[in-house]
Structures are given as C-alpha cells and as structure tokens.
C-alpha cells in the first residue's frame, strides 16, 4: 500500500516496503510492485526518488487509495 507523506505542505508518495519517497504516485506504485515481486529495489526506479523515510513510526503517514 503506497503511503502519502506531507512535508512543509508538499505531498510525497512512499513505497511501504523500502520507504523511498517519490513525487508521483505512479512511480511509488511501480517501486512497491517491484519490491513485492523481487524483494529488492530497482535502480532505475530509485533514480526518481527524492528521499527516504528514516523514522517510519514517527512520520505522519496516511494511506492512499488510488482511484481506478
């Protein structure tokens, strides 16, 4: 499940498995699918990352349910 993180009024999307942050929901979904399937990170997807969550339990996270 992709997570949304709010930092300084900006919204980022995070892969729940590796906790890397992305600006676009689709990229975070691709990352999460790769992580689930391969149990690793994809370097091409990680190039689009803008950061990583370090403290999962203290971050303000909400679940994102894409409209499809």
N, C-alpha and C. Protein backbone atom coordinates (compact mmCIF):
# COMPACT_ATOMS: atom_id res chain seq x y z
N UNK A 1 0.85 -1.17 0.00
CA UNK A 1 0.00 0.00 0.00
C UNK A 1 0.90 1.24 0.00
N UNK A 2 0.73 2.10 -0.97
CA UNK A 2 1.52 3.32 -1.08
C UNK A 2 1.09 4.29 0.02
N UNK A 3 2.06 4.96 0.59
CA UNK A 3 1.80 5.92 1.67
C UNK A 3 2.00 7.34 1.15
N UNK A 4 1.28 8.29 1.73
CA UNK A 4 1.50 9.70 1.40
C UNK A 4 2.10 10.37 2.63
N UNK A 5 3.11 11.21 2.36
CA UNK A 5 3.83 11.90 3.42
C UNK A 5 3.72 13.40 3.14
N UNK A 6 3.33 14.17 4.14
CA UNK A 6 3.25 15.62 4.00
C UNK A 6 4.44 16.26 4.70
N UNK A 7 5.21 17.02 3.93
CA UNK A 7 6.37 17.73 4.47
C UNK A 7 6.28 19.17 3.97
N UNK A 8 6.16 20.09 4.88
CA UNK A 8 6.08 21.52 4.53
C UNK A 8 5.04 21.78 3.45
N UNK A 9 3.84 21.26 3.65
CA UNK A 9 2.72 21.44 2.73
C UNK A 9 2.93 20.81 1.35
N UNK A 10 3.92 19.96 1.22
CA UNK A 10 4.15 19.22 -0.03
C UNK A 10 3.79 17.76 0.24
N UNK A 11 3.22 17.10 -0.74
CA UNK A 11 2.84 15.70 -0.60
C UNK A 11 3.78 14.83 -1.43
N UNK A 12 4.29 13.80 -0.81
CA UNK A 12 5.16 12.82 -1.46
C UNK A 12 4.55 11.45 -1.24
N UNK A 13 4.90 10.52 -2.11
CA UNK A 13 4.38 9.17 -2.04
C UNK A 13 5.52 8.22 -1.74
N UNK A 14 5.28 7.28 -0.83
CA UNK A 14 6.34 6.38 -0.40
C UNK A 14 5.96 4.92 -0.61
N UNK A 15 6.95 4.15 -1.01
CA UNK A 15 6.81 2.70 -1.07
C UNK A 15 6.84 2.18 0.36
N UNK A 16 5.85 1.39 0.73
CA UNK A 16 5.77 0.90 2.10
C UNK A 16 6.88 -0.11 2.42
N UNK A 17 7.46 -0.72 1.41
CA UNK A 17 8.49 -1.74 1.64
C UNK A 17 9.87 -1.14 1.87
N UNK A 18 10.31 -0.23 1.00
CA UNK A 18 11.66 0.32 1.12
C UNK A 18 11.67 1.74 1.70
N UNK A 19 10.49 2.38 1.76
CA UNK A 19 10.30 3.71 2.33
C UNK A 19 10.94 4.84 1.54
N UNK A 20 11.23 4.61 0.25
CA UNK A 20 11.73 5.70 -0.60
C UNK A 20 10.56 6.58 -1.01
N UNK A 21 10.81 7.88 -1.11
CA UNK A 21 9.79 8.88 -1.44
C UNK A 21 9.85 9.28 -2.91
N UNK A 22 8.67 9.54 -3.47
CA UNK A 22 8.56 9.95 -4.87
C UNK A 22 7.56 11.09 -4.98
N UNK A 23 7.73 11.91 -6.00
CA UNK A 23 6.78 13.00 -6.23
C UNK A 23 5.50 12.51 -6.88
N UNK A 24 5.59 11.42 -7.64
CA UNK A 24 4.43 10.92 -8.37
C UNK A 24 3.94 9.58 -7.81
N UNK A 25 2.65 9.47 -7.69
CA UNK A 25 2.02 8.26 -7.17
C UNK A 25 2.37 7.04 -8.02
N UNK A 26 2.35 7.20 -9.33
CA UNK A 26 2.62 6.08 -10.23
C UNK A 26 4.01 5.51 -10.00
N UNK A 27 4.99 6.36 -9.74
CA UNK A 27 6.36 5.89 -9.50
C UNK A 27 6.44 5.11 -8.21
N UNK A 28 5.77 5.60 -7.17
CA UNK A 28 5.75 4.90 -5.89
C UNK A 28 5.05 3.54 -6.04
N UNK A 29 3.99 3.48 -6.83
CA UNK A 29 3.31 2.21 -7.07
C UNK A 29 4.22 1.23 -7.82
N UNK A 30 4.97 1.73 -8.79
CA UNK A 30 5.91 0.88 -9.52
C UNK A 30 6.99 0.34 -8.59
N UNK A 31 7.49 1.19 -7.73
CA UNK A 31 8.50 0.80 -6.76
C UNK A 31 7.96 -0.29 -5.85
N UNK A 32 6.78 -0.06 -5.33
CA UNK A 32 6.18 -1.02 -4.41
C UNK A 32 5.94 -2.37 -5.09
N UNK A 33 5.48 -2.36 -6.32
CA UNK A 33 5.26 -3.61 -7.05
C UNK A 33 6.58 -4.35 -7.25
N UNK A 34 7.63 -3.61 -7.62
CA UNK A 34 8.94 -4.23 -7.81
C UNK A 34 9.44 -4.83 -6.48
N UNK A 35 9.35 -4.07 -5.42
CA UNK A 35 9.81 -4.55 -4.10
C UNK A 35 9.08 -5.82 -3.68
N UNK A 36 7.78 -5.86 -3.89
CA UNK A 36 6.98 -7.04 -3.53
C UNK A 36 7.40 -8.26 -4.35
N UNK A 37 7.61 -8.06 -5.63
CA UNK A 37 7.91 -9.16 -6.54
C UNK A 37 9.33 -9.69 -6.38
N UNK A 38 10.31 -8.76 -6.25
CA UNK A 38 11.72 -9.13 -6.28
C UNK A 38 12.43 -9.07 -4.93
N UNK A 39 11.74 -8.53 -3.93
CA UNK A 39 12.33 -8.37 -2.60
C UNK A 39 13.65 -7.59 -2.67
N UNK A 40 13.67 -6.56 -3.52
CA UNK A 40 14.84 -5.70 -3.69
C UNK A 40 14.37 -4.39 -4.32
N UNK A 41 15.31 -3.45 -4.48
CA UNK A 41 14.99 -2.17 -5.12
C UNK A 41 15.49 -2.17 -6.56
N UNK A 42 14.80 -1.43 -7.41
CA UNK A 42 15.18 -1.28 -8.81
C UNK A 42 15.92 0.05 -8.96
N UNK A 43 17.14 0.01 -9.48
CA UNK A 43 17.96 1.22 -9.58
C UNK A 43 17.35 2.27 -10.51
N UNK A 44 16.65 1.84 -11.56
CA UNK A 44 16.01 2.80 -12.48
C UNK A 44 14.87 3.54 -11.79
N UNK A 45 14.12 2.84 -10.95
CA UNK A 45 13.04 3.49 -10.22
C UNK A 45 13.62 4.40 -9.13
N UNK A 46 14.65 3.93 -8.45
CA UNK A 46 15.27 4.72 -7.37
C UNK A 46 15.85 6.05 -7.86
N UNK A 47 16.21 6.13 -9.13
CA UNK A 47 16.72 7.38 -9.70
C UNK A 47 15.71 8.51 -9.56
N UNK A 48 14.43 8.17 -9.49
CA UNK A 48 13.35 9.16 -9.40
C UNK A 48 13.02 9.52 -7.95
N UNK A 49 13.67 8.86 -7.01
CA UNK A 49 13.39 9.10 -5.59
C UNK A 49 13.87 10.49 -5.17
N UNK A 50 13.12 11.08 -4.23
CA UNK A 50 13.51 12.39 -3.69
C UNK A 50 13.97 12.28 -2.24
N UNK A 51 14.01 11.07 -1.70
CA UNK A 51 14.44 10.88 -0.32
C UNK A 51 13.93 9.57 0.23
N UNK A 52 14.11 9.41 1.53
CA UNK A 52 13.68 8.17 2.18
C UNK A 52 13.20 8.48 3.59
N UNK A 53 12.17 7.77 4.03
CA UNK A 53 11.67 7.92 5.39
C UNK A 53 12.63 7.19 6.32
N UNK A 54 13.10 7.87 7.33
CA UNK A 54 14.02 7.25 8.29
C UNK A 54 13.30 6.76 9.53
N UNK A 55 12.30 7.49 9.96
CA UNK A 55 11.56 7.13 11.18
C UNK A 55 10.12 6.86 10.82
N UNK A 56 9.87 5.63 10.47
CA UNK A 56 8.53 5.23 10.00
C UNK A 56 7.47 5.47 11.06
N UNK A 57 7.74 5.13 12.30
CA UNK A 57 6.72 5.23 13.34
C UNK A 57 6.41 6.67 13.75
N UNK A 58 7.34 7.60 13.57
CA UNK A 58 7.10 8.97 13.98
C UNK A 58 6.64 9.86 12.84
N UNK A 59 6.73 9.37 11.61
CA UNK A 59 6.28 10.17 10.46
C UNK A 59 4.77 10.20 10.42
N UNK A 60 4.22 11.26 9.88
CA UNK A 60 2.77 11.36 9.72
C UNK A 60 2.42 10.75 8.38
N UNK A 61 1.83 9.57 8.41
CA UNK A 61 1.54 8.84 7.19
C UNK A 61 0.05 8.57 7.06
N UNK A 62 -0.42 8.61 5.82
CA UNK A 62 -1.81 8.29 5.53
C UNK A 62 -1.83 7.30 4.37
N UNK A 63 -2.78 6.44 4.35
CA UNK A 63 -2.91 5.51 3.25
C UNK A 63 -3.50 6.23 2.03
N UNK A 64 -3.01 5.85 0.88
CA UNK A 64 -3.51 6.42 -0.37
C UNK A 64 -4.24 5.33 -1.13
N UNK A 65 -5.45 5.61 -1.51
CA UNK A 65 -6.22 4.66 -2.29
C UNK A 65 -6.43 5.28 -3.68
N UNK A 66 -5.65 4.86 -4.66
CA UNK A 66 -5.79 5.46 -5.99
C UNK A 66 -7.17 5.18 -6.58
N UNK A 67 -7.68 6.16 -7.28
CA UNK A 67 -9.00 6.00 -7.91
C UNK A 67 -8.80 5.33 -9.26
N UNK A 68 -9.16 4.05 -9.32
CA UNK A 68 -9.02 3.29 -10.58
C UNK A 68 -10.23 2.49 -10.84
